Structures are given as structure tokens and as C-alpha cells.
Protein backbone atom coordinates (compact mmCIF):
# COMPACT_ATOMS: atom_id res chain seq x y z
CA LYS A 1 4.89 129.74 2.16
CA ASN A 2 5.14 126.71 -0.13
CA SER A 3 2.07 127.67 -2.13
CA ILE A 4 3.54 131.13 -2.73
CA GLN A 5 6.81 129.58 -3.88
CA THR A 6 5.09 127.28 -6.35
CA THR A 7 3.15 130.11 -7.91
CA LEU A 8 6.30 132.21 -8.30
CA MET A 9 8.68 129.51 -9.52
CA PRO A 10 7.56 127.61 -12.60
CA SER A 11 8.47 123.95 -12.82
CA TYR A 12 10.63 122.96 -15.79
CA LYS A 13 10.95 119.61 -17.56
CA LEU A 14 13.20 119.18 -20.60
CA SER A 15 12.79 116.11 -22.82
CA TYR A 16 15.50 115.18 -25.31
CA PHE A 17 17.68 112.30 -26.44
CA ASN A 18 20.49 111.07 -24.22
CA GLY A 19 23.10 113.13 -26.04
CA ARG A 20 24.11 116.77 -26.45
CA GLY A 21 22.70 117.71 -29.88
CA VAL A 22 20.49 120.80 -30.02
CA GLY A 23 19.08 120.15 -26.54
CA GLU A 24 22.36 120.66 -24.70
CA VAL A 25 22.35 124.45 -24.96
CA SER A 26 19.19 124.51 -22.82
CA ARG A 27 20.81 122.20 -20.25
CA LEU A 28 23.79 124.58 -20.17
CA ILE A 29 21.48 127.55 -19.61
CA PHE A 30 19.85 125.74 -16.67
CA ALA A 31 23.34 124.94 -15.33
CA ALA A 32 24.58 128.54 -15.67
CA ALA A 33 21.43 129.79 -13.93
CA GLY A 34 21.72 127.21 -11.14
CA GLN A 35 18.10 126.31 -11.91
CA LYS A 36 16.62 122.93 -11.01
CA TYR A 37 14.68 121.11 -13.73
CA GLU A 38 13.68 117.61 -14.71
CA ASP A 39 16.17 116.33 -17.30
CA VAL A 40 14.33 113.58 -19.21
CA ARG A 41 16.57 111.66 -21.64
CA TYR A 42 15.27 109.11 -24.12
CA GLU A 43 17.36 106.44 -25.76
CA VAL A 44 16.76 106.30 -29.51
CA ASP A 45 14.87 102.99 -29.26
CA GLN A 46 12.53 104.36 -26.54
CA TRP A 47 11.63 107.46 -28.53
CA PRO A 48 8.92 106.06 -30.89
CA ALA A 49 6.74 105.23 -27.86
CA TYR A 50 6.76 108.90 -26.75
CA LYS A 51 6.79 110.67 -30.11
CA ALA A 52 3.01 111.15 -30.23
CA GLU A 53 3.08 113.00 -26.88
CA MET A 54 5.22 115.80 -28.34
CA PRO A 55 3.41 118.68 -30.09
CA LEU A 56 5.41 118.41 -33.33
CA GLY A 57 6.55 114.82 -32.93
CA GLN A 58 10.12 115.98 -32.30
CA MET A 59 12.46 116.95 -29.45
CA PRO A 60 13.67 118.84 -27.53
CA VAL A 61 10.46 119.80 -25.75
CA LEU A 62 10.34 122.01 -22.68
CA GLU A 63 7.40 121.77 -20.29
CA VAL A 64 6.76 124.87 -18.20
CA ASP A 65 4.15 124.09 -15.55
CA GLY A 66 2.94 121.26 -17.79
CA ILE A 67 2.63 123.30 -21.01
CA LYS A 68 4.82 121.92 -23.81
CA LEU A 69 7.07 124.14 -25.94
CA PRO A 70 8.86 122.63 -28.98
CA GLN A 71 11.73 123.93 -31.17
CA SER A 72 15.27 124.05 -29.77
CA ALA A 73 15.93 127.73 -30.51
CA ALA A 74 12.59 128.87 -29.04
CA ILE A 75 13.25 126.84 -25.89
CA ALA A 76 16.80 128.15 -25.45
CA ARG A 77 15.78 131.75 -26.16
CA PHE A 78 12.94 131.59 -23.65
CA LEU A 79 15.18 130.10 -20.94
CA ALA A 80 17.93 132.62 -21.69
CA LYS A 81 15.46 135.49 -21.25
CA GLN A 82 14.05 133.87 -18.12
CA PHE A 83 17.51 133.62 -16.51
CA HIS A 84 19.07 136.87 -17.87
CA LEU A 85 21.39 135.19 -20.38
CA ALA A 86 19.86 136.71 -23.53
CA GLY A 87 21.37 140.24 -23.57
CA LYS A 88 20.55 143.31 -21.48
CA ASP A 89 18.20 145.06 -23.92
CA ASN A 90 16.46 144.46 -27.24
CA PHE A 91 19.47 145.39 -29.35
CA GLU A 92 21.82 143.18 -27.33
CA GLN A 93 19.31 140.36 -27.74
CA ALA A 94 19.40 140.95 -31.51
CA LYS A 95 23.21 140.72 -31.45
CA VAL A 96 22.96 137.45 -29.51
CA ASP A 97 20.45 136.22 -32.11
CA ALA A 98 22.83 137.17 -34.94
CA VAL A 99 25.53 135.01 -33.34
CA VAL A 100 23.08 132.17 -32.73
CA ASP A 101 21.78 132.34 -36.33
CA THR A 102 25.36 132.11 -37.58
CA ILE A 103 25.90 129.02 -35.40
CA TYR A 104 22.75 127.50 -36.92
CA ASP A 105 24.22 128.27 -40.39
CA THR A 106 27.22 126.20 -39.32
CA TYR A 107 24.92 123.35 -38.24
CA LYS A 108 23.08 123.45 -41.58
CA ALA A 109 26.32 123.35 -43.55
CA TRP A 110 27.56 120.43 -41.47
CA ALA A 111 24.40 118.28 -41.46
CA PRO A 112 24.82 116.60 -44.90
CA SER A 113 28.24 115.22 -43.94
CA ARG A 114 26.96 114.11 -40.55
CA PHE A 115 23.61 112.52 -41.31
CA GLY A 116 23.83 111.36 -44.94
CA GLU A 117 23.41 107.67 -45.82
CA ASP A 118 26.30 107.01 -48.21
CA PRO A 119 29.61 106.66 -46.25
CA VAL A 120 31.85 107.55 -49.24
CA LYS A 121 29.82 110.66 -49.98
CA LYS A 122 29.77 111.58 -46.26
CA GLU A 123 33.55 111.34 -46.08
CA ALA A 124 33.95 113.68 -49.07
CA LEU A 125 31.39 116.13 -47.68
CA SER A 126 33.08 116.07 -44.27
CA LYS A 127 36.45 116.86 -45.83
CA LYS A 128 34.92 119.76 -47.76
CA PHE A 129 33.07 121.03 -44.67
CA PHE A 130 36.13 121.04 -42.40
CA GLY A 131 38.42 122.30 -45.18
CA GLU A 132 36.28 125.08 -46.67
CA GLU A 133 32.89 125.73 -45.09
CA LEU A 134 33.74 125.58 -41.37
CA PRO A 135 36.65 128.06 -41.53
CA LYS A 136 34.31 130.56 -43.25
CA GLN A 137 31.65 130.13 -40.55
CA LEU A 138 34.23 130.36 -37.76
CA GLN A 139 35.64 133.53 -39.31
CA ASN A 140 32.11 134.99 -39.31
CA LEU A 141 31.69 134.09 -35.63
CA GLU A 142 35.06 135.54 -34.69
CA THR A 143 34.13 138.74 -36.55
CA LEU A 144 30.88 139.04 -34.58
CA GLY A 145 32.62 138.30 -31.28
CA LYS A 146 35.14 141.08 -31.88
CA LEU A 147 32.39 143.43 -33.07
CA TYR A 148 29.97 142.91 -30.17
CA GLY A 149 32.16 141.65 -27.33
CA ASN A 150 33.29 145.08 -26.08
CA GLY A 151 36.90 143.94 -26.03
CA GLY A 152 36.15 140.92 -23.82
CA HIS A 153 35.98 137.21 -24.50
CA PHE A 154 32.21 136.74 -24.60
CA PHE A 155 30.23 137.22 -27.81
CA VAL A 156 28.02 140.11 -26.68
CA GLY A 157 28.50 142.90 -24.16
CA ASN A 158 31.44 141.30 -22.34
CA GLN A 159 29.12 139.00 -20.36
CA LEU A 160 27.96 135.40 -20.63
CA THR A 161 24.91 134.86 -22.88
CA TRP A 162 23.39 131.78 -24.41
CA ALA A 163 25.32 132.51 -27.63
CA ASP A 164 28.51 131.52 -25.76
CA LEU A 165 26.87 128.37 -24.40
CA PHE A 166 25.55 127.39 -27.84
CA PHE A 167 28.96 127.93 -29.43
CA HIS A 168 30.57 125.81 -26.73
CA THR A 169 28.28 122.87 -27.28
CA ILE A 170 28.48 122.77 -31.10
CA THR A 171 32.27 123.07 -31.07
CA GLU A 172 32.47 120.29 -28.45
CA THR A 173 31.20 117.95 -31.18
CA LEU A 174 33.25 119.52 -34.00
CA LEU A 175 36.45 119.31 -31.94
CA GLY A 176 35.64 115.65 -31.26
CA ILE A 177 35.83 115.04 -35.01
CA ASN A 178 38.66 117.43 -35.84
CA ALA A 179 40.71 118.50 -32.81
CA ASP A 180 42.50 121.25 -34.78
CA CYS A 181 39.46 123.03 -36.23
CA LEU A 182 39.74 126.07 -33.92
CA ASN A 183 43.52 126.48 -34.16
CA ASN A 184 43.36 129.54 -36.44
CA PHE A 185 40.73 131.28 -34.32
CA PRO A 186 42.32 132.45 -31.05
CA TRP A 187 39.34 134.60 -30.04
CA LEU A 188 36.95 131.65 -30.34
CA LYS A 189 39.32 129.36 -28.42
CA GLN A 190 39.49 131.93 -25.64
CA ASN A 191 35.69 132.23 -25.67
CA ARG A 192 35.38 128.48 -24.99
CA ALA A 193 37.94 128.73 -22.20
CA GLU A 194 36.02 131.60 -20.56
CA VAL A 195 32.77 129.59 -20.65
CA GLU A 196 34.55 126.64 -18.99
CA LYS A 197 35.86 128.95 -16.22
CA GLN A 198 32.30 129.73 -15.05
CA PRO A 199 32.04 127.72 -11.80
CA LYS A 200 28.53 126.34 -12.39
CA ILE A 201 29.34 125.43 -15.99
CA ALA A 202 32.64 123.80 -14.98
CA GLU A 203 30.80 121.67 -12.43
CA TYR A 204 28.12 120.70 -14.95
CA LEU A 205 30.69 119.77 -17.65
CA LYS A 206 32.62 117.64 -15.17
CA ASN A 207 29.54 115.68 -14.08
CA ARG A 208 27.48 115.37 -17.28
CA SER A 209 27.13 112.00 -18.98
CA LYS A 210 29.71 111.43 -21.70
CA THR A 211 28.14 111.04 -25.13
CA GLU A 212 29.60 111.20 -28.62
CA LEU A 213 27.11 113.77 -29.92
């Protein structure tokens, strides 16, 4: 029996830093699916010793039966398909991807104010991001949610997909910096609340390690 089980159920190992970042969406997918996996977390100072083991010298990396897959979006999309959190058909999957791509646009717009070197410049960029750029991106996301959500509170097809999980994890960090940033977007606030009501997600959020990012 055991040998049959091992051939049917792949083994999963996710390597990432000990923080949320772009690896957390995959952890949330595992949580929503109730799927066991090895959650390997590196502290920043440990990472250089392991960098050469990773195909592109970056993380996250997912190992499926020992084969390494890089790139956060590819990992999350694969896991979402594997555990039926990617949309019911090809067009729904495209809608989910449109939401996810818009979230990545938000990340790209935010990065200069988050990871720049000069603190004065970072402060100015952050102000501009939260004042101008973020509201535009959030409006785009709310538009897509209303367009594809079938009148419900999830982004696509009135059911949980990885787009909802990805939105939850990026806004966790944004809300940590600016607690009011979702105040003008009731649909998006409700979307986060719906994600947190999922029993497996609620349990995961309660027990996960607390990190700033």
C-alpha cells in the first residue's frame, strides 16, 4: 500500500527566506489544500551557502520529488493547478492570471520605495506610491474582482483561487506600512475577510511565524 501511495502523491519541499515575500502565496496554497510539505526557511545570513544549489541562484524553489522548480509565479501557478485553486477551465485560469499579473504590477511599482538604498529618496517614493500609484492599482483589482467574481467576494468565479491568496499576502505587508490603504476599497476589504474565514487558512494564519515582510 505504501509504495502505491508514494507513487501517487508527490513529495513537496519549498525553500524560501524566513519571511512572507513572494514565497508566502505558495505556503497559503498548501495550507488551503491541506497538503503536507517541507517548509524550508533560510535566514538571510545562511542563504549564500545554499545559493549555488538553486537552479537560478534565487528563491523560492519548489522541489517536486526532488526536481527543482524556480520562479515564484510558476511555483504558485503549478501548485494552484495541482490543488484546484487556479480556476475551473482555461478561461477562468486566464482571469486568475489577469488578477495575479495586476498584483505583480503593484509589486513592481512598490519595489523602488521598498528596496532602494537612499532613505530620503525611499521616503519620497513611498509617499508617492501610497498616495498615487497604489490607489490606481487597487482600483484595477477591485474592477477585476467585480467583473469576474460573479457577484461574490472572491476574484474569479465566486470561489477561492490563488489570486485571492496572493492578494491577501501582498496587502498584509502593505497594511503593515499603511493601515488605511484599503479604506476606499470595500470589495477588496471584504475579499481579505472572506479568505480569512476559510478554516484551513485561518488556522495557518494564526500559527505562522510572525515576520515583518
